[in-house]
């Protein structure tokens, strides 16, 4: 597993720790601004904003999905897959693992933003949001909560409501089709991960977990427990309690900050019925964590494969093709 800079790892834990979502409204104003309501209140965004700067890759992906091409993207999450997708689209990601935990205001200002966009790191915004707002109007995209919200917020902030609605529509259509399959072929799925030596399962509040539930796929009872400990988005698991997470299929989160070997190497993992039957697989952890429209599309791809009996899930190399497929689907729907 490739080491992650400490600040970037801390930020990911903050994202896992439960960032508030919320409804967003945006309306054109006569003075050439758009009033955007988001989790930090309201902000006046230039209606003709030309330079939109994203402070993390998730924000960059959501902007691109609704047709807003960011002028600059800082790598606040050290996301390998997002950097691959954005790079394929010709958008360079500047490595900046401390950008959200301690913003480099000079670097942000040097990008000459008309608007700054970032994915919510929760309470950390109490300090950083005023600093960022002093540079340019700042919009916060939600992480936790309804998987539809990040794309809706991005669309509302830049007058791209129709595009956002088209994206949400194609995702909801795929979800409905998947629910029809799982109604005929019930599936129980366990999802396990390891992050900085913490063994866990994504809690029900996690966007990826909500999507699994929306698809009519069940999880083992211990994975439905209320989150506890450092993160509101994780259910702690121990090697001793791992047998309670057996299921028809066990998905282990891997790549980037996720240490799949720390899960699959446990003797109790090897003893699972699913492991003995060869019904375990590795998924791209940062996509299963949610937070972007691409992540929703990605998990729907993976869940469709699993319900069809296919255990080979998407990899980082599949990122550009899957992102392009989402864009084509939205173009067709729009």
C-alpha atoms as a PDB file:
ATOM      1  CA  UNK A   1       0.000   0.000   0.000  1.00  0.00           C
ATOM      2  CA  UNK A   2       1.440   3.382  -1.036  1.00  0.00           C
ATOM      3  CA  UNK A   3       1.929   5.672   1.994  1.00  0.00           C
ATOM      4  CA  UNK A   4      -0.392   8.641   2.149  1.00  0.00           C
ATOM      5  CA  UNK A   5       0.789  12.001   3.482  1.00  0.00           C
ATOM      6  CA  UNK A   6      -0.448  12.445   7.021  1.00  0.00           C
ATOM      7  CA  UNK A   7      -2.570  15.521   6.295  1.00  0.00           C
ATOM      8  CA  UNK A   8      -4.314  13.893   3.335  1.00  0.00           C
ATOM      9  CA  UNK A   9      -5.040  10.796   5.397  1.00  0.00           C
ATOM     10  CA  UNK A  10      -6.449  12.981   8.159  1.00  0.00           C
ATOM     11  CA  UNK A  11      -8.694  14.717   5.658  1.00  0.00           C
ATOM     12  CA  UNK A  12     -10.089  11.424   4.402  1.00  0.00           C
ATOM     13  CA  UNK A  13     -10.919  10.477   7.978  1.00  0.00           C
ATOM     14  CA  UNK A  14     -12.691  13.822   8.346  1.00  0.00           C
ATOM     15  CA  UNK A  15     -14.719  13.058   5.237  1.00  0.00           C
ATOM     16  CA  UNK A  16     -15.565   9.656   6.671  1.00  0.00           C
ATOM     17  CA  UNK A  17     -16.477  11.329   9.928  1.00  0.00           C
ATOM     18  CA  UNK A  18     -19.780  12.626   8.646  1.00  0.00           C
ATOM     19  CA  UNK A  19     -20.162  15.886   6.804  1.00  0.00           C
ATOM     20  CA  UNK A  20     -23.577  17.426   6.767  1.00  0.00           C
ATOM     21  CA  UNK A  21     -25.496  17.581   3.521  1.00  0.00           C
ATOM     22  CA  UNK A  22     -28.591  19.632   2.855  1.00  0.00           C
ATOM     23  CA  UNK A  23     -30.778  21.023   0.174  1.00  0.00           C
ATOM     24  CA  UNK A  24     -29.440  23.667  -2.133  1.00  0.00           C
ATOM     25  CA  UNK A  25     -31.228  26.352  -4.069  1.00  0.00           C
ATOM     26  CA  UNK A  26     -29.812  28.676  -6.666  1.00  0.00           C
ATOM     27  CA  UNK A  27     -31.515  31.446  -8.609  1.00  0.00           C
ATOM     28  CA  UNK A  28     -30.159  33.990 -11.093  1.00  0.00           C
ATOM     29  CA  UNK A  29     -30.060  37.526  -9.754  1.00  0.00           C
ATOM     30  CA  UNK A  30     -30.422  40.731 -11.810  1.00  0.00           C
ATOM     31  CA  UNK A  31     -27.029  42.001 -10.674  1.00  0.00           C
ATOM     32  CA  UNK A  32     -25.251  39.159 -12.457  1.00  0.00           C
ATOM     33  CA  UNK A  33     -24.848  36.898  -9.453  1.00  0.00           C
ATOM     34  CA  UNK A  34     -26.481  33.688  -8.389  1.00  0.00           C
ATOM     35  CA  UNK A  35     -27.513  33.237  -4.763  1.00  0.00           C
ATOM     36  CA  UNK A  36     -26.497  29.749  -3.678  1.00  0.00           C
ATOM     37  CA  UNK A  37     -27.648  28.229  -0.414  1.00  0.00           C
ATOM     38  CA  UNK A  38     -25.488  25.414   0.925  1.00  0.00           C
ATOM     39  CA  UNK A  39     -24.413  24.008   4.255  1.00  0.00           C
ATOM     40  CA  UNK A  40     -22.384  27.093   5.166  1.00  0.00           C
ATOM     41  CA  UNK A  41     -25.265  29.469   4.499  1.00  0.00           C
ATOM     42  CA  UNK A  42     -25.626  31.518   1.331  1.00  0.00           C
ATOM     43  CA  UNK A  43     -23.064  32.902  -1.071  1.00  0.00           C
ATOM     44  CA  UNK A  44     -23.276  35.167  -4.106  1.00  0.00           C
ATOM     45  CA  UNK A  45     -21.622  33.470  -7.069  1.00  0.00           C
ATOM     46  CA  UNK A  46     -20.886  35.356 -10.299  1.00  0.00           C
ATOM     47  CA  UNK A  47     -23.373  34.130 -12.882  1.00  0.00           C
ATOM     48  CA  UNK A  48     -20.671  34.317 -15.547  1.00  0.00           C
ATOM     49  CA  UNK A  49     -17.889  32.711 -13.496  1.00  0.00           C
ATOM     50  CA  UNK A  50     -15.068  31.689 -15.824  1.00  0.00           C
ATOM     51  CA  UNK A  51     -12.396  30.495 -13.415  1.00  0.00           C
ATOM     52  CA  UNK A  52     -13.678  27.825 -11.038  1.00  0.00           C
ATOM     53  CA  UNK A  53     -11.056  26.310  -8.747  1.00  0.00           C
ATOM     54  CA  UNK A  54     -11.625  22.976  -6.996  1.00  0.00           C
ATOM     55  CA  UNK A  55      -9.723  22.286  -3.796  1.00  0.00           C
ATOM     56  CA  UNK A  56     -10.148  18.511  -4.061  1.00  0.00           C
ATOM     57  CA  UNK A  57     -10.606  15.887  -6.717  1.00  0.00           C
ATOM     58  CA  UNK A  58     -14.155  14.972  -5.694  1.00  0.00           C
ATOM     59  CA  UNK A  59     -15.245  18.560  -6.263  1.00  0.00           C
ATOM     60  CA  UNK A  60     -13.418  18.511  -9.599  1.00  0.00           C
ATOM     61  CA  UNK A  61     -15.227  15.350 -10.684  1.00  0.00           C
ATOM     62  CA  UNK A  62     -18.647  16.698  -9.736  1.00  0.00           C
ATOM     63  CA  UNK A  63     -18.004  19.951 -11.573  1.00  0.00           C
ATOM     64  CA  UNK A  64     -16.915  18.099 -14.694  1.00  0.00           C
ATOM     65  CA  UNK A  65     -20.008  15.893 -14.509  1.00  0.00           C
ATOM     66  CA  UNK A  66     -22.360  18.888 -14.683  1.00  0.00           C
ATOM     67  CA  UNK A  67     -20.400  20.484 -17.517  1.00  0.00           C
ATOM     68  CA  UNK A  68     -18.276  22.933 -15.536  1.00  0.00           C
ATOM     69  CA  UNK A  69     -14.614  22.562 -16.449  1.00  0.00           C
ATOM     70  CA  UNK A  70     -12.494  23.630 -13.472  1.00  0.00           C
ATOM     71  CA  UNK A  71      -9.612  25.957 -14.262  1.00  0.00           C
ATOM     72  CA  UNK A  72      -7.539  24.295 -11.548  1.00  0.00           C
ATOM     73  CA  UNK A  73      -7.883  21.278  -9.290  1.00  0.00           C
ATOM     74  CA  UNK A  74      -5.809  20.794  -6.168  1.00  0.00           C
ATOM     75  CA  UNK A  75      -5.243  17.214  -5.008  1.00  0.00           C
ATOM     76  CA  UNK A  76      -6.558  17.644  -1.496  1.00  0.00           C
ATOM     77  CA  UNK A  77      -7.607  13.976  -1.264  1.00  0.00           C
ATOM     78  CA  UNK A  78      -4.626  12.321  -3.004  1.00  0.00           C
ATOM     79  CA  UNK A  79      -7.200  10.419  -5.065  1.00  0.00           C
ATOM     80  CA  UNK A  80      -5.493   8.179  -7.606  1.00  0.00           C
ATOM     81  CA  UNK A  81      -8.626   7.367  -9.575  1.00  0.00           C
ATOM     82  CA  UNK A  82      -9.966  10.935  -9.683  1.00  0.00           C
ATOM     83  CA  UNK A  83      -6.581  12.220 -10.835  1.00  0.00           C
ATOM     84  CA  UNK A  84      -6.633   9.589 -13.598  1.00  0.00           C
ATOM     85  CA  UNK A  85     -10.109  10.597 -14.776  1.00  0.00           C
ATOM     86  CA  UNK A  86      -9.444  14.337 -14.591  1.00  0.00           C
ATOM     87  CA  UNK A  87      -6.097  13.903 -16.306  1.00  0.00           C
ATOM     88  CA  UNK A  88      -7.747  11.959 -19.123  1.00  0.00           C
ATOM     89  CA  UNK A  89     -10.056  14.951 -19.565  1.00  0.00           C
ATOM     90  CA  UNK A  90      -7.028  17.238 -19.852  1.00  0.00           C
ATOM     91  CA  UNK A  91      -7.372  18.688 -16.350  1.00  0.00           C
ATOM     92  CA  UNK A  92      -4.156  18.521 -14.358  1.00  0.00           C
ATOM     93  CA  UNK A  93      -4.362  17.893 -10.627  1.00  0.00           C
ATOM     94  CA  UNK A  94      -1.812  19.748  -8.522  1.00  0.00           C
ATOM     95  CA  UNK A  95      -0.671  17.528  -5.618  1.00  0.00           C
ATOM     96  CA  UNK A  96      -1.737  19.330  -2.449  1.00  0.00           C
ATOM     97  CA  UNK A  97      -2.536  16.864   0.346  1.00  0.00           C
ATOM     98  CA  UNK A  98      -2.814  19.648   2.939  1.00  0.00           C
ATOM     99  CA  UNK A  99      -5.011  21.943   0.834  1.00  0.00           C
ATOM    100  CA  UNK A 100      -8.242  21.459   2.781  1.00  0.00           C
ATOM    101  CA  UNK A 101      -6.794  20.829   6.230  1.00  0.00           C
ATOM    102  CA  UNK A 102      -4.609  23.942   5.980  1.00  0.00           C
ATOM    103  CA  UNK A 103      -5.329  25.803   2.743  1.00  0.00           C
ATOM    104  CA  UNK A 104      -2.456  27.345   0.849  1.00  0.00           C
ATOM    105  CA  UNK A 105      -4.220  30.656   0.364  1.00  0.00           C
ATOM    106  CA  UNK A 106      -1.440  32.077  -1.783  1.00  0.00           C
ATOM    107  CA  UNK A 107      -1.602  29.135  -4.198  1.00  0.00           C
ATOM    108  CA  UNK A 108      -5.390  29.397  -4.352  1.00  0.00           C
ATOM    109  CA  UNK A 109      -5.276  33.132  -4.977  1.00  0.00           C
ATOM    110  CA  UNK A 110      -2.602  32.624  -7.662  1.00  0.00           C
ATOM    111  CA  UNK A 111      -5.112  30.468  -9.570  1.00  0.00           C
ATOM    112  CA  UNK A 112      -7.292  33.623  -9.842  1.00  0.00           C
ATOM    113  CA  UNK A 113     -10.591  31.961  -8.944  1.00  0.00           C
ATOM    114  CA  UNK A 114     -13.947  33.551  -9.589  1.00  0.00           C
ATOM    115  CA  UNK A 115     -15.403  30.760  -7.444  1.00  0.00           C
ATOM    116  CA  UNK A 116     -13.856  28.166  -5.125  1.00  0.00           C
ATOM    117  CA  UNK A 117     -15.489  24.755  -4.743  1.00  0.00           C
ATOM    118  CA  UNK A 118     -14.607  22.044  -2.243  1.00  0.00           C
ATOM    119  CA  UNK A 119     -16.045  18.905  -0.735  1.00  0.00           C
ATOM    120  CA  UNK A 120     -17.091  19.406   2.859  1.00  0.00           C
ATOM    121  CA  UNK A 121     -14.566  18.381   5.525  1.00  0.00           C
ATOM    122  CA  UNK A 122     -17.122  19.011   8.296  1.00  0.00           C
ATOM    123  CA  UNK A 123     -16.265  21.108  11.320  1.00  0.00           C
ATOM    124  CA  UNK A 124     -12.873  22.027   9.890  1.00  0.00           C
ATOM    125  CA  UNK A 125     -14.766  24.528   7.732  1.00  0.00           C
ATOM    126  CA  UNK A 126     -15.441  26.647  10.811  1.00  0.00           C
ATOM    127  CA  UNK A 127     -11.906  27.940  10.416  1.00  0.00           C
ATOM    128  CA  UNK A 128     -11.151  27.476   6.744  1.00  0.00           C
ATOM    129  CA  UNK A 129     -14.388  28.680   5.150  1.00  0.00           C
ATOM    130  CA  UNK A 130     -13.928  32.352   6.170  1.00  0.00           C
ATOM    131  CA  UNK A 131     -10.327  32.215   4.925  1.00  0.00           C
ATOM    132  CA  UNK A 132     -11.366  30.795   1.573  1.00  0.00           C
ATOM    133  CA  UNK A 133     -14.263  33.222   1.242  1.00  0.00           C
ATOM    134  CA  UNK A 134     -11.831  36.093   1.607  1.00  0.00           C
ATOM    135  CA  UNK A 135     -10.150  34.885  -1.604  1.00  0.00           C
ATOM    136  CA  UNK A 136     -13.322  34.236  -3.649  1.00  0.00           C
ATOM    137  CA  UNK A 137     -16.958  33.157  -3.201  1.00  0.00           C
ATOM    138  CA  UNK A 138     -16.798  29.584  -1.913  1.00  0.00           C
ATOM    139  CA  UNK A 139     -19.294  26.762  -2.458  1.00  0.00           C
ATOM    140  CA  UNK A 140     -19.226  23.594  -0.358  1.00  0.00           C
ATOM    141  CA  UNK A 141     -20.418  20.322  -1.870  1.00  0.00           C
ATOM    142  CA  UNK A 142     -21.801  17.810   0.659  1.00  0.00           C
ATOM    143  CA  UNK A 143     -20.114  14.469   1.183  1.00  0.00           C
ATOM    144  CA  UNK A 144     -22.338  12.561   3.584  1.00  0.00           C
ATOM    145  CA  UNK A 145     -26.030  12.043   3.021  1.00  0.00           C
ATOM    146  CA  UNK A 146     -28.073  11.517  -0.116  1.00  0.00           C
ATOM    147  CA  UNK A 147     -25.828  10.448  -3.002  1.00  0.00           C
ATOM    148  CA  UNK A 148     -27.822  12.762  -5.289  1.00  0.00           C
ATOM    149  CA  UNK A 149     -26.883  15.933  -3.428  1.00  0.00           C
ATOM    150  CA  UNK A 150     -23.288  16.633  -4.547  1.00  0.00           C
ATOM    151  CA  UNK A 151     -24.247  16.768  -8.220  1.00  0.00           C
ATOM    152  CA  UNK A 152     -27.382  18.774  -7.461  1.00  0.00           C
ATOM    153  CA  UNK A 153     -25.358  21.312  -5.491  1.00  0.00           C
ATOM    154  CA  UNK A 154     -22.765  21.625  -8.236  1.00  0.00           C
ATOM    155  CA  UNK A 155     -25.490  22.112 -10.832  1.00  0.00           C
ATOM    156  CA  UNK A 156     -27.358  24.680  -8.775  1.00  0.00           C
ATOM    157  CA  UNK A 157     -24.224  26.701  -8.104  1.00  0.00           C
ATOM    158  CA  UNK A 158     -23.448  27.198 -11.787  1.00  0.00           C
ATOM    159  CA  UNK A 159     -26.829  27.307 -13.462  1.00  0.00           C
ATOM    160  CA  UNK A 160     -26.462  23.724 -14.658  1.00  0.00           C
ATOM    161  CA  UNK A 161     -29.625  22.431 -13.010  1.00  0.00           C
ATOM    162  CA  UNK A 162     -30.809  20.726 -16.194  1.00  0.00           C
ATOM    163  CA  UNK A 163     -27.544  18.869 -16.596  1.00  0.00           C
ATOM    164  CA  UNK A 164     -27.548  17.860 -12.928  1.00  0.00           C
ATOM    165  CA  UNK A 165     -31.120  16.618 -13.280  1.00  0.00           C
ATOM    166  CA  UNK A 166     -30.115  14.556 -16.325  1.00  0.00           C
ATOM    167  CA  UNK A 167     -27.232  12.987 -14.410  1.00  0.00           C
ATOM    168  CA  UNK A 168     -29.430  12.195 -11.408  1.00  0.00           C
ATOM    169  CA  UNK A 169     -32.063  10.820 -13.764  1.00  0.00           C
ATOM    170  CA  UNK A 170     -29.757   8.318 -15.441  1.00  0.00           C
ATOM    171  CA  UNK A 171     -28.460   7.209 -12.046  1.00  0.00           C
ATOM    172  CA  UNK A 172     -31.992   6.723 -10.733  1.00  0.00           C
ATOM    173  CA  UNK A 173     -32.958   4.763 -13.860  1.00  0.00           C
ATOM    174  CA  UNK A 174     -30.014   2.408 -13.387  1.00  0.00           C
ATOM    175  CA  UNK A 175     -30.871   2.042  -9.722  1.00  0.00           C
ATOM    176  CA  UNK A 176     -34.482   1.181 -10.532  1.00  0.00           C
ATOM    177  CA  UNK A 177     -33.348  -1.463 -13.027  1.00  0.00           C
ATOM    178  CA  UNK A 178     -31.019  -2.951 -10.424  1.00  0.00           C
ATOM    179  CA  UNK A 179     -33.809  -3.067  -7.835  1.00  0.00           C
ATOM    180  CA  UNK A 180     -35.869  -5.158 -10.253  1.00  0.00           C
ATOM    181  CA  UNK A 181     -32.999  -7.654 -10.435  1.00  0.00           C
ATOM    182  CA  UNK A 182     -32.465  -7.860  -6.683  1.00  0.00           C
ATOM    183  CA  UNK A 183     -36.208  -8.298  -6.114  1.00  0.00           C
ATOM    184  CA  UNK A 184     -35.934 -11.515  -8.133  1.00  0.00           C
ATOM    185  CA  UNK A 185     -32.453 -12.492  -6.961  1.00  0.00           C
ATOM    186  CA  UNK A 186     -31.843 -11.382  -3.376  1.00  0.00           C
ATOM    187  CA  UNK A 187     -28.234 -10.687  -2.488  1.00  0.00           C
ATOM    188  CA  UNK A 188     -26.548 -10.151   0.867  1.00  0.00           C
ATOM    189  CA  UNK A 189     -23.340  -8.173   0.604  1.00  0.00           C
ATOM    190  CA  UNK A 190     -20.653  -7.516   3.190  1.00  0.00           C
ATOM    191  CA  UNK A 191     -18.353  -4.518   2.721  1.00  0.00           C
ATOM    192  CA  UNK A 192     -15.098  -4.380   4.680  1.00  0.00           C
ATOM    193  CA  UNK A 193     -12.130  -2.047   4.704  1.00  0.00           C
ATOM    194  CA  UNK A 194      -8.974  -1.098   6.551  1.00  0.00           C
ATOM    195  CA  UNK A 195      -7.761   2.474   6.877  1.00  0.00           C
ATOM    196  CA  UNK A 196      -4.653   3.369   8.890  1.00  0.00           C
ATOM    197  CA  UNK A 197      -4.874   0.077  10.823  1.00  0.00           C
ATOM    198  CA  UNK A 198      -8.584   0.602  11.521  1.00  0.00           C
ATOM    199  CA  UNK A 199     -10.707  -2.361  10.449  1.00  0.00           C
ATOM    200  CA  UNK A 200     -14.238  -1.236   9.658  1.00  0.00           C
ATOM    201  CA  UNK A 201     -17.372  -1.515   7.550  1.00  0.00           C
ATOM    202  CA  UNK A 202     -18.942   1.578   5.954  1.00  0.00           C
ATOM    203  CA  UNK A 203     -21.850   2.673   8.160  1.00  0.00           C
ATOM    204  CA  UNK A 204     -25.422   2.972   6.829  1.00  0.00           C
ATOM    205  CA  UNK A 205     -25.027   6.776   6.574  1.00  0.00           C
ATOM    206  CA  UNK A 206     -22.160   6.488   4.112  1.00  0.00           C
ATOM    207  CA  UNK A 207     -23.241   7.444   0.560  1.00  0.00           C
ATOM    208  CA  UNK A 208     -22.036   4.122  -0.832  1.00  0.00           C
ATOM    209  CA  UNK A 209     -23.922   2.220   1.863  1.00  0.00           C
ATOM    210  CA  UNK A 210     -27.089   4.178   1.132  1.00  0.00           C
ATOM    211  CA  UNK A 211     -26.787   3.239  -2.517  1.00  0.00           C
ATOM    212  CA  UNK A 212     -26.403  -0.461  -1.686  1.00  0.00           C
ATOM    213  CA  UNK A 213     -29.533  -0.271   0.470  1.00  0.00           C
ATOM    214  CA  UNK A 214     -31.429   1.679  -2.211  1.00  0.00           C
ATOM    215  CA  UNK A 215     -30.586  -1.116  -4.646  1.00  0.00           C
ATOM    216  CA  UNK A 216     -32.418  -3.615  -2.430  1.00  0.00           C
ATOM    217  CA  UNK A 217     -29.229  -5.396  -1.402  1.00  0.00           C
ATOM    218  CA  UNK A 218     -28.983  -6.415   2.240  1.00  0.00           C
ATOM    219  CA  UNK A 219     -25.966  -6.283   4.555  1.00  0.00           C
ATOM    220  CA  UNK A 220     -25.078  -8.437   7.589  1.00  0.00           C
ATOM    221  CA  UNK A 221     -26.690  -7.161  10.772  1.00  0.00           C
ATOM    222  CA  UNK A 222     -23.417  -5.932  12.385  1.00  0.00           C
ATOM    223  CA  UNK A 223     -22.885  -3.603   9.404  1.00  0.00           C
ATOM    224  CA  UNK A 224     -26.215  -1.906  10.052  1.00  0.00           C
ATOM    225  CA  UNK A 225     -25.215  -0.803  13.539  1.00  0.00           C
ATOM    226  CA  UNK A 226     -24.856   2.834  14.461  1.00  0.00           C
ATOM    227  CA  UNK A 227     -21.383   4.183  13.837  1.00  0.00           C
ATOM    228  CA  UNK A 228     -19.131   4.618  16.841  1.00  0.00           C
ATOM    229  CA  UNK A 229     -15.705   5.961  17.640  1.00  0.00           C
ATOM    230  CA  UNK A 230     -13.760   8.489  15.568  1.00  0.00           C
ATOM    231  CA  UNK A 231     -15.930   8.332  12.486  1.00  0.00           C
ATOM    232  CA  UNK A 232     -19.682   8.720  12.069  1.00  0.00           C
ATOM    233  CA  UNK A 233     -19.387   6.889   8.760  1.00  0.00           C
ATOM    234  CA  UNK A 234     -17.718   3.685   9.899  1.00  0.00           C
ATOM    235  CA  UNK A 235     -18.763   0.675  11.939  1.00  0.00           C
ATOM    236  CA  UNK A 236     -15.696  -0.702  13.771  1.00  0.00           C
ATOM    237  CA  UNK A 237     -14.864  -4.338  13.108  1.00  0.00           C
ATOM    238  CA  UNK A 238     -12.329  -6.567  14.847  1.00  0.00           C
ATOM    239  CA  UNK A 239     -10.701  -9.796  13.746  1.00  0.00           C
ATOM    240  CA  UNK A 240     -12.741 -11.586  16.401  1.00  0.00           C
ATOM    241  CA  UNK A 241     -16.078 -10.197  15.198  1.00  0.00           C
ATOM    242  CA  UNK A 242     -15.337 -10.738  11.515  1.00  0.00           C
ATOM    243  CA  UNK A 243     -17.376 -13.993  11.319  1.00  0.00           C
ATOM    244  CA  UNK A 244     -20.516 -11.901  11.842  1.00  0.00           C
ATOM    245  CA  UNK A 245     -19.807 -10.183   8.524  1.00  0.00           C
ATOM    246  CA  UNK A 246     -20.099 -13.312   6.381  1.00  0.00           C
ATOM    247  CA  UNK A 247     -22.461 -12.902   3.418  1.00  0.00           C
ATOM    248  CA  UNK A 248     -23.242 -14.186  -0.070  1.00  0.00           C
ATOM    249  CA  UNK A 249     -20.397 -11.992  -1.340  1.00  0.00           C
ATOM    250  CA  UNK A 250     -17.745 -10.073   0.592  1.00  0.00           C
ATOM    251  CA  UNK A 251     -16.367  -6.876  -0.981  1.00  0.00           C
ATOM    252  CA  UNK A 252     -13.039  -5.625   0.368  1.00  0.00           C
ATOM    253  CA  UNK A 253     -12.084  -1.994  -0.260  1.00  0.00           C
ATOM    254  CA  UNK A 254      -8.674  -1.539  -1.829  1.00  0.00           C
ATOM    255  CA  UNK A 255      -6.410   0.962  -3.561  1.00  0.00           C
ATOM    256  CA  UNK A 256      -5.240   4.406  -2.503  1.00  0.00           C
ATOM    257  CA  UNK A 257      -5.522   4.670   1.298  1.00  0.00           C
ATOM    258  CA  UNK A 258      -7.383   1.359   1.669  1.00  0.00           C
ATOM    259  CA  UNK A 259      -5.322  -1.637   2.789  1.00  0.00           C
ATOM    260  CA  UNK A 260      -7.107  -4.692   1.369  1.00  0.00           C
ATOM    261  CA  UNK A 261      -4.345  -7.035   2.574  1.00  0.00           C
ATOM    262  CA  UNK A 262      -5.023  -6.027   6.176  1.00  0.00           C
ATOM    263  CA  UNK A 263      -8.502  -7.523   5.740  1.00  0.00           C
ATOM    264  CA  UNK A 264      -7.883 -10.529   3.491  1.00  0.00           C
ATOM    265  CA  UNK A 265      -4.811 -11.573   5.466  1.00  0.00           C
ATOM    266  CA  UNK A 266      -6.773 -12.217   8.662  1.00  0.00           C
ATOM    267  CA  UNK A 267      -7.264 -15.890   9.572  1.00  0.00           C
ATOM    268  CA  UNK A 268     -10.885 -15.128  10.422  1.00  0.00           C
ATOM    269  CA  UNK A 269     -11.369 -13.711   6.928  1.00  0.00           C
ATOM    270  CA  UNK A 270     -10.035 -16.885   5.326  1.00  0.00           C
ATOM    271  CA  UNK A 271     -12.474 -18.861   7.480  1.00  0.00           C
ATOM    272  CA  UNK A 272     -15.536 -17.017   6.164  1.00  0.00           C
ATOM    273  CA  UNK A 273     -17.913 -19.168   4.141  1.00  0.00           C
ATOM    274  CA  UNK A 274     -17.715 -16.649   1.316  1.00  0.00           C
ATOM    275  CA  UNK A 275     -13.896 -16.787   1.324  1.00  0.00           C
ATOM    276  CA  UNK A 276     -13.835 -20.582   1.309  1.00  0.00           C
ATOM    277  CA  UNK A 277     -16.286 -20.557  -1.609  1.00  0.00           C
ATOM    278  CA  UNK A 278     -14.269 -17.972  -3.570  1.00  0.00           C
ATOM    279  CA  UNK A 279     -16.982 -15.321  -3.291  1.00  0.00           C
ATOM    280  CA  UNK A 280     -14.825 -12.382  -2.232  1.00  0.00           C
ATOM    281  CA  UNK A 281     -13.550  -9.531  -4.365  1.00  0.00           C
ATOM    282  CA  UNK A 282     -11.668  -6.224  -4.233  1.00  0.00           C
ATOM    283  CA  UNK A 283     -13.361  -2.904  -5.054  1.00  0.00           C
ATOM    284  CA  UNK A 284     -11.909   0.589  -5.563  1.00  0.00           C
ATOM    285  CA  UNK A 285     -12.388   1.991  -2.063  1.00  0.00           C
ATOM    286  CA  UNK A 286     -12.521   5.670  -2.969  1.00  0.00           C
ATOM    287  CA  UNK A 287     -15.410   5.030  -5.352  1.00  0.00           C
ATOM    288  CA  UNK A 288     -17.332   2.907  -2.837  1.00  0.00           C
ATOM    289  CA  UNK A 289     -16.943   5.723  -0.302  1.00  0.00           C
ATOM    290  CA  UNK A 290     -19.235   7.865  -2.479  1.00  0.00           C
ATOM    291  CA  UNK A 291     -19.322  11.638  -2.667  1.00  0.00           C
ATOM    292  CA  UNK A 292     -19.438  12.012  -6.460  1.00  0.00           C
ATOM    293  CA  UNK A 293     -21.815  11.219  -9.295  1.00  0.00           C
ATOM    294  CA  UNK A 294     -19.072   9.064 -10.793  1.00  0.00           C
ATOM    295  CA  UNK A 295     -18.862   7.085  -7.545  1.00  0.00           C
ATOM    296  CA  UNK A 296     -22.605   6.388  -7.739  1.00  0.00           C
ATOM    297  CA  UNK A 297     -22.298   5.286 -11.376  1.00  0.00           C
ATOM    298  CA  UNK A 298     -19.253   3.204 -10.440  1.00  0.00           C
ATOM    299  CA  UNK A 299     -20.916   1.354  -7.578  1.00  0.00           C
ATOM    300  CA  UNK A 300     -23.976   0.707  -9.745  1.00  0.00           C
ATOM    301  CA  UNK A 301     -21.633  -0.837 -12.337  1.00  0.00           C
ATOM    302  CA  UNK A 302     -20.053  -3.012  -9.651  1.00  0.00           C
ATOM    303  CA  UNK A 303     -23.361  -4.002  -8.073  1.00  0.00           C
ATOM    304  CA  UNK A 304     -24.762  -4.935 -11.475  1.00  0.00           C
ATOM    305  CA  UNK A 305     -21.769  -7.229 -11.991  1.00  0.00           C
ATOM    306  CA  UNK A 306     -22.189  -8.805  -8.562  1.00  0.00           C
ATOM    307  CA  UNK A 307     -25.893  -9.473  -9.018  1.00  0.00           C
ATOM    308  CA  UNK A 308     -25.002 -11.151 -12.315  1.00  0.00           C
ATOM    309  CA  UNK A 309     -22.539 -13.452 -10.592  1.00  0.00           C
ATOM    310  CA  UNK A 310     -19.446 -11.583 -11.809  1.00  0.00           C
ATOM    311  CA  UNK A 311     -16.776 -10.938  -9.155  1.00  0.00           C
ATOM    312  CA  UNK A 312     -14.297  -8.913 -11.237  1.00  0.00           C
ATOM    313  CA  UNK A 313     -15.054  -5.295 -10.341  1.00  0.00           C
ATOM    314  CA  UNK A 314     -13.802  -1.996 -11.745  1.00  0.00           C
ATOM    315  CA  UNK A 315     -10.181  -0.912 -11.327  1.00  0.00           C
ATOM    316  CA  UNK A 316      -8.443   2.462 -11.489  1.00  0.00           C
ATOM    317  CA  UNK A 317      -7.625   1.779 -15.139  1.00  0.00           C
ATOM    318  CA  UNK A 318     -11.366   1.646 -15.872  1.00  0.00           C
ATOM    319  CA  UNK A 319     -11.845   5.197 -14.564  1.00  0.00           C
ATOM    320  CA  UNK A 320     -11.781   7.172 -17.827  1.00  0.00           C
ATOM    321  CA  UNK A 321     -14.061   4.704 -19.642  1.00  0.00           C
ATOM    322  CA  UNK A 322     -16.612   4.635 -16.833  1.00  0.00           C
ATOM    323  CA  UNK A 323     -16.567   8.425 -16.530  1.00  0.00           C
ATOM    324  CA  UNK A 324     -17.100   8.732 -20.289  1.00  0.00           C
ATOM    325  CA  UNK A 325     -20.004   6.275 -20.111  1.00  0.00           C
ATOM    326  CA  UNK A 326     -21.692   8.405 -17.452  1.00  0.00           C
ATOM    327  CA  UNK A 327     -21.262  11.542 -19.554  1.00  0.00           C
ATOM    328  CA  UNK A 328     -22.676   9.843 -22.655  1.00  0.00           C
ATOM    329  CA  UNK A 329     -25.668   8.571 -20.681  1.00  0.00           C
ATOM    330  CA  UNK A 330     -26.330  12.084 -19.342  1.00  0.00           C
ATOM    331  CA  UNK A 331     -25.912  13.596 -22.815  1.00  0.00           C
ATOM    332  CA  UNK A 332     -28.468  11.162 -24.188  1.00  0.00           C
ATOM    333  CA  UNK A 333     -30.904  11.792 -21.361  1.00  0.00           C
ATOM    334  CA  UNK A 334     -30.481  15.556 -21.622  1.00  0.00           C
END
